[in-house]
PDB file of N, CA and C in Angstrom:
ATOM      1  N   MET A   1      16.980  61.043 106.770  1.00  0.00           N
ATOM      2  CA  MET A   1      16.345  60.101 106.565  1.00  0.00           C
ATOM      3  C   MET A   1      18.333  59.150 107.145  1.00  0.00           C
ATOM      4  N   ILE A   2      19.090  60.019 107.035  1.00  0.00           N
ATOM      5  CA  ILE A   2      20.656  59.576 106.221  1.00  0.00           C
ATOM      6  C   ILE A   2      21.135  59.538 108.046  1.00  0.00           C
ATOM      7  N   LEU A   3      20.741  61.061 108.533  1.00  0.00           N
ATOM      8  CA  LEU A   3      21.649  60.456 110.363  1.00  0.00           C
ATOM      9  C   LEU A   3      21.163  58.789 110.606  1.00  0.00           C
ATOM     10  N   LYS A   4      19.756  59.167 110.766  1.00  0.00           N
ATOM     11  CA  LYS A   4      18.784  58.197 110.902  1.00  0.00           C
ATOM     12  C   LYS A   4      19.791  56.288 110.727  1.00  0.00           C
ATOM     13  N   ALA A   5      20.180  56.511 109.921  1.00  0.00           N
ATOM     14  CA  ALA A   5      21.055  55.730 109.031  1.00  0.00           C
ATOM     15  C   ALA A   5      22.325  55.477 110.021  1.00  0.00           C
ATOM     16  N   VAL A   6      22.987  56.453 110.158  1.00  0.00           N
ATOM     17  CA  VAL A   6      24.459  56.289 111.013  1.00  0.00           C
ATOM     18  C   VAL A   6      23.811  56.366 111.850  1.00  0.00           C
ATOM     19  N   GLU A   7      22.954  56.563 113.127  1.00  0.00           N
ATOM     20  CA  GLU A   7      22.702  56.622 114.096  1.00  0.00           C
ATOM     21  C   GLU A   7      22.460  54.227 114.505  1.00  0.00           C
ATOM     22  N   ASP A   8      21.165  54.130 113.404  1.00  0.00           N
ATOM     23  CA  ASP A   8      20.722  52.249 113.481  1.00  0.00           C
ATOM     24  C   ASP A   8      21.714  51.950 113.106  1.00  0.00           C
ATOM     25  N   ALA A   9      23.119  52.268 112.948  1.00  0.00           N
ATOM     26  CA  ALA A   9      24.376  50.946 112.119  1.00  0.00           C
ATOM     27  C   ALA A   9      24.781  50.384 113.543  1.00  0.00           C
ATOM     28  N   ASN A  10      24.970  48.988 113.156  1.00  0.00           N
ATOM     29  CA  ASN A  10      25.846  48.283 114.405  1.00  0.00           C
ATOM     30  C   ASN A  10      27.154  48.210 114.456  1.00  0.00           C
ATOM     31  N   SER A  11      27.471  49.125 113.810  1.00  0.00           N
ATOM     32  CA  SER A  11      28.908  49.528 112.667  1.00  0.00           C
ATOM     33  C   SER A  11      29.518  49.878 112.711  1.00  0.00           C
ATOM     34  N   HIS A  12      30.495  50.877 112.572  1.00  0.00           N
ATOM     35  CA  HIS A  12      30.962  51.872 110.939  1.00  0.00           C
ATOM     36  C   HIS A  12      30.144  51.621 109.586  1.00  0.00           C
ATOM     37  N   ILE A  13      29.592  52.812 108.765  1.00  0.00           N
ATOM     38  CA  ILE A  13      29.005  52.273 107.426  1.00  0.00           C
ATOM     39  C   ILE A  13      29.675  53.907 106.845  1.00  0.00           C
ATOM     40  N   SER A  14      29.537  52.741 106.251  1.00  0.00           N
ATOM     41  CA  SER A  14      30.192  53.959 104.225  1.00  0.00           C
ATOM     42  C   SER A  14      28.494  54.395 103.719  1.00  0.00           C
ATOM     43  N   ALA A  15      29.707  55.583 102.832  1.00  0.00           N
ATOM     44  CA  ALA A  15      28.320  56.656 102.320  1.00  0.00           C
ATOM     45  C   ALA A  15      27.724  55.570 101.516  1.00  0.00           C
ATOM     46  N   GLU A  16      28.181  54.914 101.044  1.00  0.00           N
ATOM     47  CA  GLU A  16      28.008  53.843  99.876  1.00  0.00           C
ATOM     48  C   GLU A  16      26.387  52.126 100.730  1.00  0.00           C
ATOM     49  N   GLU A  17      27.019  52.563 101.794  1.00  0.00           N
ATOM     50  CA  GLU A  17      26.145  51.600 102.957  1.00  0.00           C
ATOM     51  C   GLU A  17      25.242  52.240 102.728  1.00  0.00           C
ATOM     52  N   ILE A  18      25.204  53.665 103.253  1.00  0.00           N
ATOM     53  CA  ILE A  18      24.274  54.233 103.802  1.00  0.00           C
ATOM     54  C   ILE A  18      22.966  54.858 102.825  1.00  0.00           C
ATOM     55  N   TYR A  19      23.615  55.092 101.557  1.00  0.00           N
ATOM     56  CA  TYR A  19      23.084  54.941 100.205  1.00  0.00           C
ATOM     57  C   TYR A  19      22.315  54.134 100.048  1.00  0.00           C
ATOM     58  N   ALA A  20      22.219  52.737  99.621  1.00  0.00           N
ATOM     59  CA  ALA A  20      21.426  51.726  99.492  1.00  0.00           C
ATOM     60  C   ALA A  20      20.128  51.487 100.438  1.00  0.00           C
ATOM     61  N   GLN A  21      20.823  51.683 101.378  1.00  0.00           N
ATOM     62  CA  GLN A  21      19.430  52.122 102.210  1.00  0.00           C
ATOM     63  C   GLN A  21      18.367  52.942 102.320  1.00  0.00           C
ATOM     64  N   VAL A  22      18.956  53.872 102.038  1.00  0.00           N
ATOM     65  CA  VAL A  22      18.504  55.477 102.519  1.00  0.00           C
ATOM     66  C   VAL A  22      17.580  55.225 100.750  1.00  0.00           C
ATOM     67  N   ARG A  23      17.568  54.744  99.794  1.00  0.00           N
ATOM     68  CA  ARG A  23      17.726  54.567  98.095  1.00  0.00           C
ATOM     69  C   ARG A  23      16.069  53.351  98.664  1.00  0.00           C
ATOM     70  N   THR A  24      16.058  52.655  99.291  1.00  0.00           N
ATOM     71  CA  THR A  24      14.685  51.626  99.702  1.00  0.00           C
ATOM     72  C   THR A  24      13.769  52.628 100.129  1.00  0.00           C
ATOM     73  N   TYR A  25      13.678  54.188 100.643  1.00  0.00           N
ATOM     74  CA  TYR A  25      12.553  55.324 101.243  1.00  0.00           C
ATOM     75  C   TYR A  25      12.848  55.939  99.825  1.00  0.00           C
ATOM     76  N   TYR A  26      13.568  56.291  99.471  1.00  0.00           N
ATOM     77  CA  TYR A  26      13.651  57.427  98.565  1.00  0.00           C
ATOM     78  C   TYR A  26      14.286  57.336  96.836  1.00  0.00           C
ATOM     79  N   PRO A  27      14.293  56.291  96.817  1.00  0.00           N
ATOM     80  CA  PRO A  27      14.285  55.832  95.596  1.00  0.00           C
ATOM     81  C   PRO A  27      15.363  56.963  94.064  1.00  0.00           C
ATOM     82  N   GLN A  28      14.571  58.307  94.001  1.00  0.00           N
ATOM     83  CA  GLN A  28      15.213  59.182  93.319  1.00  0.00           C
ATOM     84  C   GLN A  28      16.907  60.033  94.237  1.00  0.00           C
ATOM     85  N   MET A  29      16.875  59.646  95.457  1.00  0.00           N
ATOM     86  CA  MET A  29      18.492  59.988  95.690  1.00  0.00           C
ATOM     87  C   MET A  29      19.433  59.998  95.791  1.00  0.00           C
ATOM     88  N   ASN A  30      19.969  60.431  94.799  1.00  0.00           N
ATOM     89  CA  ASN A  30      21.655  60.033  94.838  1.00  0.00           C
ATOM     90  C   ASN A  30      22.987  60.327  95.346  1.00  0.00           C
ATOM     91  N   ILE A  31      23.912  59.152  95.245  1.00  0.00           N
ATOM     92  CA  ILE A  31      24.670  59.388  96.133  1.00  0.00           C
ATOM     93  C   ILE A  31      24.925  60.564  96.774  1.00  0.00           C
ATOM     94  N   SER A  32      25.361  61.751  95.684  1.00  0.00           N
ATOM     95  CA  SER A  32      26.447  63.324  96.506  1.00  0.00           C
ATOM     96  C   SER A  32      25.185  63.527  96.901  1.00  0.00           C
ATOM     97  N   THR A  33      23.894  63.720  97.448  1.00  0.00           N
ATOM     98  CA  THR A  33      23.053  64.159  98.752  1.00  0.00           C
ATOM     99  C   THR A  33      23.706  63.591  99.483  1.00  0.00           C
ATOM    100  N   VAL A  34      24.244  62.575  99.694  1.00  0.00           N
ATOM    101  CA  VAL A  34      24.435  61.279 100.610  1.00  0.00           C
ATOM    102  C   VAL A  34      25.881  61.588 101.307  1.00  0.00           C
ATOM    103  N   TYR A  35      26.791  62.088 100.635  1.00  0.00           N
ATOM    104  CA  TYR A  35      27.258  62.810 100.690  1.00  0.00           C
ATOM    105  C   TYR A  35      28.337  64.281 101.180  1.00  0.00           C
ATOM    106  N   ARG A  36      26.647  64.652 100.626  1.00  0.00           N
ATOM    107  CA  ARG A  36      26.716  67.165 101.667  1.00  0.00           C
ATOM    108  C   ARG A  36      26.279  66.387 102.306  1.00  0.00           C
ATOM    109  N   THR A  37      25.578  65.650 102.944  1.00  0.00           N
ATOM    110  CA  THR A  37      24.098  65.354 104.327  1.00  0.00           C
ATOM    111  C   THR A  37      25.383  64.607 105.170  1.00  0.00           C
ATOM    112  N   LEU A  38      26.692  64.226 104.967  1.00  0.00           N
ATOM    113  CA  LEU A  38      27.359  63.255 105.998  1.00  0.00           C
ATOM    114  C   LEU A  38      28.127  64.832 106.658  1.00  0.00           C
ATOM    115  N   GLU A  39      28.761  65.116 104.966  1.00  0.00           N
ATOM    116  CA  GLU A  39      29.507  66.753 105.435  1.00  0.00           C
ATOM    117  C   GLU A  39      28.718  67.022 106.299  1.00  0.00           C
ATOM    118  N   LEU A  40      27.886  68.155 105.902  1.00  0.00           N
ATOM    119  CA  LEU A  40      27.225  68.280 107.404  1.00  0.00           C
ATOM    120  C   LEU A  40      27.005  68.398 108.417  1.00  0.00           C
ATOM    121  N   VAL A  41      26.265  66.753 108.745  1.00  0.00           N
ATOM    122  CA  VAL A  41      26.672  66.922 110.636  1.00  0.00           C
ATOM    123  C   VAL A  41      27.676  66.120 110.230  1.00  0.00           C
ATOM    124  N   LYS A  42      28.906  66.169 109.946  1.00  0.00           N
ATOM    125  CA  LYS A  42      30.577  66.210 110.476  1.00  0.00           C
ATOM    126  C   LYS A  42      30.661  67.408 110.659  1.00  0.00           C
ATOM    127  N   GLU A  43      30.773  68.549 109.929  1.00  0.00           N
ATOM    128  CA  GLU A  43      30.777  69.936 110.897  1.00  0.00           C
ATOM    129  C   GLU A  43      30.059  70.255 112.153  1.00  0.00           C
ATOM    130  N   LEU A  44      29.017  69.737 111.629  1.00  0.00           N
ATOM    131  CA  LEU A  44      27.768  69.982 113.147  1.00  0.00           C
ATOM    132  C   LEU A  44      27.954  69.187 114.267  1.00  0.00           C
ATOM    133  N   GLY A  45      29.523  67.844 114.076  1.00  0.00           N
ATOM    134  CA  GLY A  45      29.538  67.491 115.740  1.00  0.00           C
ATOM    135  C   GLY A  45      29.152  65.898 115.578  1.00  0.00           C
ATOM    136  N   LEU A  46      28.049  65.705 115.147  1.00  0.00           N
ATOM    137  CA  LEU A  46      26.992  64.213 114.746  1.00  0.00           C
ATOM    138  C   LEU A  46      27.675  63.173 114.832  1.00  0.00           C
ATOM    139  N   VAL A  47      28.393  63.637 114.008  1.00  0.00           N
ATOM    140  CA  VAL A  47      29.340  62.109 113.195  1.00  0.00           C
ATOM    141  C   VAL A  47      30.514  62.383 113.123  1.00  0.00           C
ATOM    142  N   THR A  48      31.148  61.101 113.363  1.00  0.00           N
ATOM    143  CA  THR A  48      33.237  61.164 112.747  1.00  0.00           C
ATOM    144  C   THR A  48      32.521  60.999 111.757  1.00  0.00           C
ATOM    145  N   GLU A  49      34.386  60.899 110.937  1.00  0.00           N
ATOM    146  CA  GLU A  49      34.385  59.968 110.040  1.00  0.00           C
ATOM    147  C   GLU A  49      35.702  58.743 109.317  1.00  0.00           C
ATOM    148  N   THR A  50      36.320  57.976 109.572  1.00  0.00           N
ATOM    149  CA  THR A  50      36.834  57.594 110.213  1.00  0.00           C
ATOM    150  C   THR A  50      38.042  56.256 108.853  1.00  0.00           C
ATOM    151  N   ASP A  51      38.487  56.483 108.509  1.00  0.00           N
ATOM    152  CA  ASP A  51      39.747  55.291 107.758  1.00  0.00           C
ATOM    153  C   ASP A  51      40.096  54.486 107.518  1.00  0.00           C
ATOM    154  N   MET A  52      39.379  53.109 107.983  1.00  0.00           N
ATOM    155  CA  MET A  52      39.672  51.515 108.601  1.00  0.00           C
ATOM    156  C   MET A  52      40.633  51.533 107.291  1.00  0.00           C
ATOM    157  N   GLY A  53      41.420  51.722 106.150  1.00  0.00           N
ATOM    158  CA  GLY A  53      42.758  51.245 105.915  1.00  0.00           C
ATOM    159  C   GLY A  53      42.250  50.333 104.923  1.00  0.00           C
ATOM    160  N   ASP A  54      41.134  50.639 104.025  1.00  0.00           N
ATOM    161  CA  ASP A  54      40.169  50.032 102.665  1.00  0.00           C
ATOM    162  C   ASP A  54      39.664  50.421 102.075  1.00  0.00           C
ATOM    163  N   GLY A  55      40.402  51.890 102.371  1.00  0.00           N
ATOM    164  CA  GLY A  55      40.350  52.758 100.930  1.00  0.00           C
ATOM    165  C   GLY A  55      38.576  53.835 100.782  1.00  0.00           C
ATOM    166  N   ARG A  56      37.477  53.424 102.183  1.00  0.00           N
ATOM    167  CA  ARG A  56      36.539  53.563 102.200  1.00  0.00           C
ATOM    168  C   ARG A  56      36.230  54.314 103.423  1.00  0.00           C
ATOM    169  N   VAL A  57      35.818  55.957 103.740  1.00  0.00           N
ATOM    170  CA  VAL A  57      34.929  56.098 104.881  1.00  0.00           C
ATOM    171  C   VAL A  57      34.129  55.580 105.566  1.00  0.00           C
ATOM    172  N   ARG A  58      34.687  55.807 106.542  1.00  0.00           N
ATOM    173  CA  ARG A  58      32.909  55.164 107.757  1.00  0.00           C
ATOM    174  C   ARG A  58      32.872  56.031 108.405  1.00  0.00           C
ATOM    175  N   TYR A  59      31.426  56.130 108.843  1.00  0.00           N
ATOM    176  CA  TYR A  59      30.951  57.662 110.086  1.00  0.00           C
ATOM    177  C   TYR A  59      30.236  56.856 110.907  1.00  0.00           C
ATOM    178  N   HIS A  60      30.498  56.880 111.765  1.00  0.00           N
ATOM    179  CA  HIS A  60      29.945  56.162 113.162  1.00  0.00           C
ATOM    180  C   HIS A  60      29.181  57.961 113.988  1.00  0.00           C
ATOM    181  N   CYS A  61      28.259  57.927 114.597  1.00  0.00           N
ATOM    182  CA  CYS A  61      27.001  58.217 115.276  1.00  0.00           C
ATOM    183  C   CYS A  61      28.038  58.780 116.550  1.00  0.00           C
ATOM    184  N   MET A  62      28.340  60.567 116.769  1.00  0.00           N
ATOM    185  CA  MET A  62      29.241  60.609 118.005  1.00  0.00           C
ATOM    186  C   MET A  62      28.257  59.991 119.308  1.00  0.00           C
ATOM    187  N   GLY A  63      27.068  60.287 119.301  1.00  0.00           N
ATOM    188  CA  GLY A  63      26.371  60.161 120.927  1.00  0.00           C
ATOM    189  C   GLY A  63      26.292  58.307 120.773  1.00  0.00           C
ATOM    190  N   LYS A  64      27.781  57.436 120.306  1.00  0.00           N
ATOM    191  CA  LYS A  64      27.811  55.990 120.324  1.00  0.00           C
ATOM    192  C   LYS A  64      29.621  56.293 121.477  1.00  0.00           C
ATOM    193  N   GLY A  65      29.502  57.192 121.614  1.00  0.00           N
ATOM    194  CA  GLY A  65      31.122  57.486 122.586  1.00  0.00           C
ATOM    195  C   GLY A  65      31.840  57.547 121.435  1.00  0.00           C
ATOM    196  N   HIS A  66      32.994  58.194 121.955  1.00  0.00           N
ATOM    197  CA  HIS A  66      33.866  58.138 121.533  1.00  0.00           C
ATOM    198  C   HIS A  66      35.224  56.845 121.127  1.00  0.00           C
ATOM    199  N   HIS A  67      35.536  56.384 120.844  1.00  0.00           N
ATOM    200  CA  HIS A  67      36.333  55.360 120.671  1.00  0.00           C
ATOM    201  C   HIS A  67      37.300  54.873 119.703  1.00  0.00           C
ATOM    202  N   HIS A  68      38.689  53.772 119.545  1.00  0.00           N
ATOM    203  CA  HIS A  68      39.061  53.505 118.488  1.00  0.00           C
ATOM    204  C   HIS A  68      38.797  52.371 118.749  1.00  0.00           C
ATOM    205  N   HIS A  69      40.060  52.178 117.077  1.00  0.00           N
ATOM    206  CA  HIS A  69      39.679  50.535 116.182  1.00  0.00           C
ATOM    207  C   HIS A  69      41.158  49.534 116.254  1.00  0.00           C
ATOM    208  N   LEU A  70      40.342  48.598 116.119  1.00  0.00           N
ATOM    209  CA  LEU A  70      41.279  47.220 115.497  1.00  0.00           C
ATOM    210  C   LEU A  70      40.313  46.663 114.710  1.00  0.00           C
ATOM    211  N   VAL A  71      41.835  46.266 114.072  1.00  0.00           N
ATOM    212  CA  VAL A  71      41.073  46.038 112.735  1.00  0.00           C
ATOM    213  C   VAL A  71      41.964  45.260 111.885  1.00  0.00           C
ATOM    214  N   CYS A  72      40.844  43.963 111.445  1.00  0.00           N
ATOM    215  CA  CYS A  72      41.909  42.517 111.460  1.00  0.00           C
ATOM    216  C   CYS A  72      42.080  43.078 109.938  1.00  0.00           C
ATOM    217  N   GLU A  73      43.277  42.061 109.707  1.00  0.00           N
ATOM    218  CA  GLU A  73      44.124  42.271 108.462  1.00  0.00           C
ATOM    219  C   GLU A  73      44.004  41.418 107.332  1.00  0.00           C
ATOM    220  N   LYS A  74      42.894  40.006 107.702  1.00  0.00           N
ATOM    221  CA  LYS A  74      42.864  39.090 107.461  1.00  0.00           C
ATOM    222  C   LYS A  74      41.337  38.828 107.210  1.00  0.00           C
ATOM    223  N   CYS A  75      40.412  38.801 107.812  1.00  0.00           N
ATOM    224  CA  CYS A  75      39.213  39.101 107.667  1.00  0.00           C
ATOM    225  C   CYS A  75      38.558  40.505 107.754  1.00  0.00           C
ATOM    226  N   GLY A  76      38.636  41.384 107.973  1.00  0.00           N
ATOM    227  CA  GLY A  76      38.420  43.268 108.238  1.00  0.00           C
ATOM    228  C   GLY A  76      37.557  43.231 109.279  1.00  0.00           C
ATOM    229  N   SER A  77      37.775  42.395 110.346  1.00  0.00           N
ATOM    230  CA  SER A  77      36.703  42.939 111.222  1.00  0.00           C
ATOM    231  C   SER A  77      36.916  43.392 112.018  1.00  0.00           C
ATOM    232  N   ILE A  78      36.404  44.455 112.479  1.00  0.00           N
ATOM    233  CA  ILE A  78      36.251  45.681 113.632  1.00  0.00           C
ATOM    234  C   ILE A  78      35.876  45.739 114.632  1.00  0.00           C
ATOM    235  N   ILE A  79      36.714  46.109 115.318  1.00  0.00           N
ATOM    236  CA  ILE A  79      37.132  45.755 116.781  1.00  0.00           C
ATOM    237  C   ILE A  79      37.029  47.163 117.683  1.00  0.00           C
ATOM    238  N   ASP A  80      35.839  47.745 118.609  1.00  0.00           N
ATOM    239  CA  ASP A  80      35.679  48.948 118.607  1.00  0.00           C
ATOM    240  C   ASP A  80      36.666  48.747 120.146  1.00  0.00           C
ATOM    241  N   MET A  81      37.330  50.148 120.724  1.00  0.00           N
ATOM    242  CA  MET A  81      38.541  49.637 121.700  1.00  0.00           C
ATOM    243  C   MET A  81      38.159  51.168 122.145  1.00  0.00           C
ATOM    244  N   GLU A  82      37.409  50.490 123.601  1.00  0.00           N
ATOM    245  CA  GLU A  82      37.471  52.230 125.085  1.00  0.00           C
ATOM    246  C   GLU A  82      38.645  52.803 124.439  1.00  0.00           C
ATOM    247  N   GLU A  83      38.421  53.898 124.903  1.00  0.00           N
ATOM    248  CA  GLU A  83      40.069  54.860 124.866  1.00  0.00           C
ATOM    249  C   GLU A  83      40.561  56.016 126.220  1.00  0.00           C
ATOM    250  N   THR A  84      39.683  54.945 126.631  1.00  0.00           N
ATOM    251  CA  THR A  84      40.567  54.559 128.345  1.00  0.00           C
ATOM    252  C   THR A  84      41.456  53.763 128.352  1.00  0.00           C
ATOM    253  N   ILE A  85      41.972  53.369 127.347  1.00  0.00           N
ATOM    254  CA  ILE A  85      42.299  51.760 127.464  1.00  0.00           C
ATOM    255  C   ILE A  85      43.689  52.635 127.756  1.00  0.00           C
ATOM    256  N   LEU A  86      44.507  53.743 126.736  1.00  0.00           N
ATOM    257  CA  LEU A  86      45.804  54.674 126.041  1.00  0.00           C
ATOM    258  C   LEU A  86      45.912  55.310 126.959  1.00  0.00           C
ATOM    259  N   ASP A  87      44.864  55.426 127.949  1.00  0.00           N
ATOM    260  CA  ASP A  87      44.921  56.901 129.242  1.00  0.00           C
ATOM    261  C   ASP A  87      46.981  56.583 129.585  1.00  0.00           C
ATOM    262  N   PRO A  88      46.776  55.669 129.905  1.00  0.00           N
ATOM    263  CA  PRO A  88      48.775  55.588 130.649  1.00  0.00           C
ATOM    264  C   PRO A  88      49.740  56.259 130.083  1.00  0.00           C
ATOM    265  N   LEU A  89      49.579  55.843 128.187  1.00  0.00           N
ATOM    266  CA  LEU A  89      50.548  56.363 127.715  1.00  0.00           C
ATOM    267  C   LEU A  89      49.880  57.621 127.132  1.00  0.00           C
ATOM    268  N   TRP A  90      48.799  58.149 126.845  1.00  0.00           N
ATOM    269  CA  TRP A  90      49.401  59.695 126.864  1.00  0.00           C
ATOM    270  C   TRP A  90      49.568  60.316 127.660  1.00  0.00           C
ATOM    271  N   SER A  91      49.554  59.797 129.046  1.00  0.00           N
ATOM    272  CA  SER A  91      49.922  60.236 130.478  1.00  0.00           C
ATOM    273  C   SER A  91      51.369  60.339 129.941  1.00  0.00           C
ATOM    274  N   GLU A  92      51.603  58.809 130.035  1.00  0.00           N
ATOM    275  CA  GLU A  92      53.440  59.403 129.417  1.00  0.00           C
ATOM    276  C   GLU A  92      53.665  60.085 128.680  1.00  0.00           C
ATOM    277  N   ILE A  93      53.523  59.804 127.475  1.00  0.00           N
ATOM    278  CA  ILE A  93      53.824  61.332 126.589  1.00  0.00           C
ATOM    279  C   ILE A  93      53.706  62.364 127.290  1.00  0.00           C
ATOM    280  N   GLU A  94      53.123  62.709 127.605  1.00  0.00           N
ATOM    281  CA  GLU A  94      52.475  64.231 128.729  1.00  0.00           C
ATOM    282  C   GLU A  94      53.606  64.212 129.296  1.00  0.00           C
ATOM    283  N   ARG A  95      53.627  63.227 129.731  1.00  0.00           N
ATOM    284  CA  ARG A  95      55.573  63.493 131.323  1.00  0.00           C
ATOM    285  C   ARG A  95      56.721  63.496 130.541  1.00  0.00           C
ATOM    286  N   LYS A  96      56.600  62.706 129.840  1.00  0.00           N
ATOM    287  CA  LYS A  96      58.487  62.755 128.885  1.00  0.00           C
ATOM    288  C   LYS A  96      58.952  63.637 128.166  1.00  0.00           C
ATOM    289  N   TYR A  97      57.558  64.251 127.397  1.00  0.00           N
ATOM    290  CA  TYR A  97      58.057  64.797 125.747  1.00  0.00           C
ATOM    291  C   TYR A  97      56.771  66.197 126.167  1.00  0.00           C
ATOM    292  N   ASN A  98      56.300  66.222 127.604  1.00  0.00           N
ATOM    293  CA  ASN A  98      56.023  68.152 127.646  1.00  0.00           C
ATOM    294  C   ASN A  98      54.886  68.086 126.673  1.00  0.00           C
ATOM    295  N   PHE A  99      54.096  66.730 125.742  1.00  0.00           N
ATOM    296  CA  PHE A  99      53.447  67.240 124.833  1.00  0.00           C
ATOM    297  C   PHE A  99      52.185  66.732 125.532  1.00  0.00           C
ATOM    298  N   LYS A 100      51.256  67.324 124.933  1.00  0.00           N
ATOM    299  CA  LYS A 100      50.031  66.774 125.539  1.00  0.00           C
ATOM    300  C   LYS A 100      48.988  66.253 124.077  1.00  0.00           C
ATOM    301  N   VAL A 101      48.644  64.897 123.973  1.00  0.00           N
ATOM    302  CA  VAL A 101      48.069  64.057 122.780  1.00  0.00           C
ATOM    303  C   VAL A 101      46.422  64.613 122.872  1.00  0.00           C
ATOM    304  N   ASP A 102      46.212  65.143 121.456  1.00  0.00           N
ATOM    305  CA  ASP A 102      44.618  65.584 121.315  1.00  0.00           C
ATOM    306  C   ASP A 102      44.997  64.046 119.866  1.00  0.00           C
ATOM    307  N   MET A 103      44.550  62.662 120.645  1.00  0.00           N
ATOM    308  CA  MET A 103      43.598  61.905 119.765  1.00  0.00           C
ATOM    309  C   MET A 103      42.490  61.826 119.664  1.00  0.00           C
ATOM    310  N   LYS A 104      42.148  62.384 117.809  1.00  0.00           N
ATOM    311  CA  LYS A 104      40.475  62.264 117.449  1.00  0.00           C
ATOM    312  C   LYS A 104      41.110  60.032 117.881  1.00  0.00           C
ATOM    313  N   HIS A 105      41.257  59.664 116.917  1.00  0.00           N
ATOM    314  CA  HIS A 105      41.260  58.859 116.490  1.00  0.00           C
ATOM    315  C   HIS A 105      42.159  57.758 115.989  1.00  0.00           C
ATOM    316  N   LEU A 106      41.977  56.393 116.225  1.00  0.00           N
ATOM    317  CA  LEU A 106      43.375  56.404 116.008  1.00  0.00           C
ATOM    318  C   LEU A 106      42.819  53.965 116.085  1.00  0.00           C
ATOM    319  N   VAL A 107      44.220  53.633 114.850  1.00  0.00           N
ATOM    320  CA  VAL A 107      43.089  51.955 114.056  1.00  0.00           C
ATOM    321  C   VAL A 107      44.157  51.545 114.612  1.00  0.00           C
ATOM    322  N   PHE A 108      43.837  50.696 115.225  1.00  0.00           N
ATOM    323  CA  PHE A 108      45.575  49.417 115.152  1.00  0.00           C
ATOM    324  C   PHE A 108      44.839  48.439 114.125  1.00  0.00           C
ATOM    325  N   PHE A 109      46.280  48.005 113.324  1.00  0.00           N
ATOM    326  CA  PHE A 109      46.378  46.840 112.382  1.00  0.00           C
ATOM    327  C   PHE A 109      46.788  45.741 113.167  1.00  0.00           C
ATOM    328  N   GLY A 110      46.216  44.505 112.830  1.00  0.00           N
ATOM    329  CA  GLY A 110      46.419  42.673 112.966  1.00  0.00           C
ATOM    330  C   GLY A 110      45.493  41.486 112.412  1.00  0.00           C
ATOM    331  N   LEU A 111      45.580  41.141 113.500  1.00  0.00           N
ATOM    332  CA  LEU A 111      45.069  39.493 113.672  1.00  0.00           C
ATOM    333  C   LEU A 111      44.251  39.481 114.456  1.00  0.00           C
ATOM    334  N   CYS A 112      42.772  39.477 113.883  1.00  0.00           N
ATOM    335  CA  CYS A 112      41.862  38.861 115.314  1.00  0.00           C
ATOM    336  C   CYS A 112      41.713  37.661 115.655  1.00  0.00           C
ATOM    337  N   ALA A 113      41.288  37.409 116.568  1.00  0.00           N
ATOM    338  CA  ALA A 113      41.744  35.586 117.456  1.00  0.00           C
ATOM    339  C   ALA A 113      41.121  35.047 116.820  1.00  0.00           C
ATOM    340  N   GLY A 114      40.282  35.031 115.370  1.00  0.00           N
ATOM    341  CA  GLY A 114      39.464  33.789 115.150  1.00  0.00           C
ATOM    342  C   GLY A 114      40.287  34.111 113.933  1.00  0.00           C
ATOM    343  N   CYS A 115      41.365  34.903 113.274  1.00  0.00           N
ATOM    344  CA  CYS A 115      41.884  34.590 112.177  1.00  0.00           C
ATOM    345  C   CYS A 115      43.482  34.088 112.785  1.00  0.00           C
ATOM    346  N   ARG A 116      43.941  33.861 114.257  1.00  0.00           N
ATOM    347  CA  ARG A 116      45.271  33.238 114.345  1.00  0.00           C
ATOM    348  C   ARG A 116      45.251  32.297 114.631  1.00  0.00           C
ATOM    349  N   THR A 117      44.132  31.907 115.246  1.00  0.00           N
ATOM    350  CA  THR A 117      43.647  30.171 114.706  1.00  0.00           C
ATOM    351  C   THR A 117      44.004  29.730 113.883  1.00  0.00           C
TER     352      THR A 117
END
C-alpha cells in the first residue's frame, strides 16, 4: 500500500502525505511503519528520496525514470527536468577534468514562469 501510494503519486510525495493516504484504508497504521517501509523499498531500488530544500524528504518511483528538478523558490512548484539535458555538461567535465560524474540527484532553485511575471 505504501509503495502503491508512491507509484500513484502525480509528483514527489512525502512520508507524511503517504501516511495520510494509507491511514484512510488502514487507520491502525502509524507513521513509523511508513518510514521503515520507505527505507526498505529505497534499499531495494524501487524508490528514490529527494530533498527539495523545504525540509521534507520526498519520494519518487524509480519506474518513472531518472530526472532532476527545478524548484520555484516563491511558490514551491517542482518541475521534472530530463536527465539528458545535462549530458553536454557531464561530457565537458569528463573531458576537461578527467572526472566521471555520477549524478544521482540535482535540484536547481529559481523562479518559475508564473512567478516571474
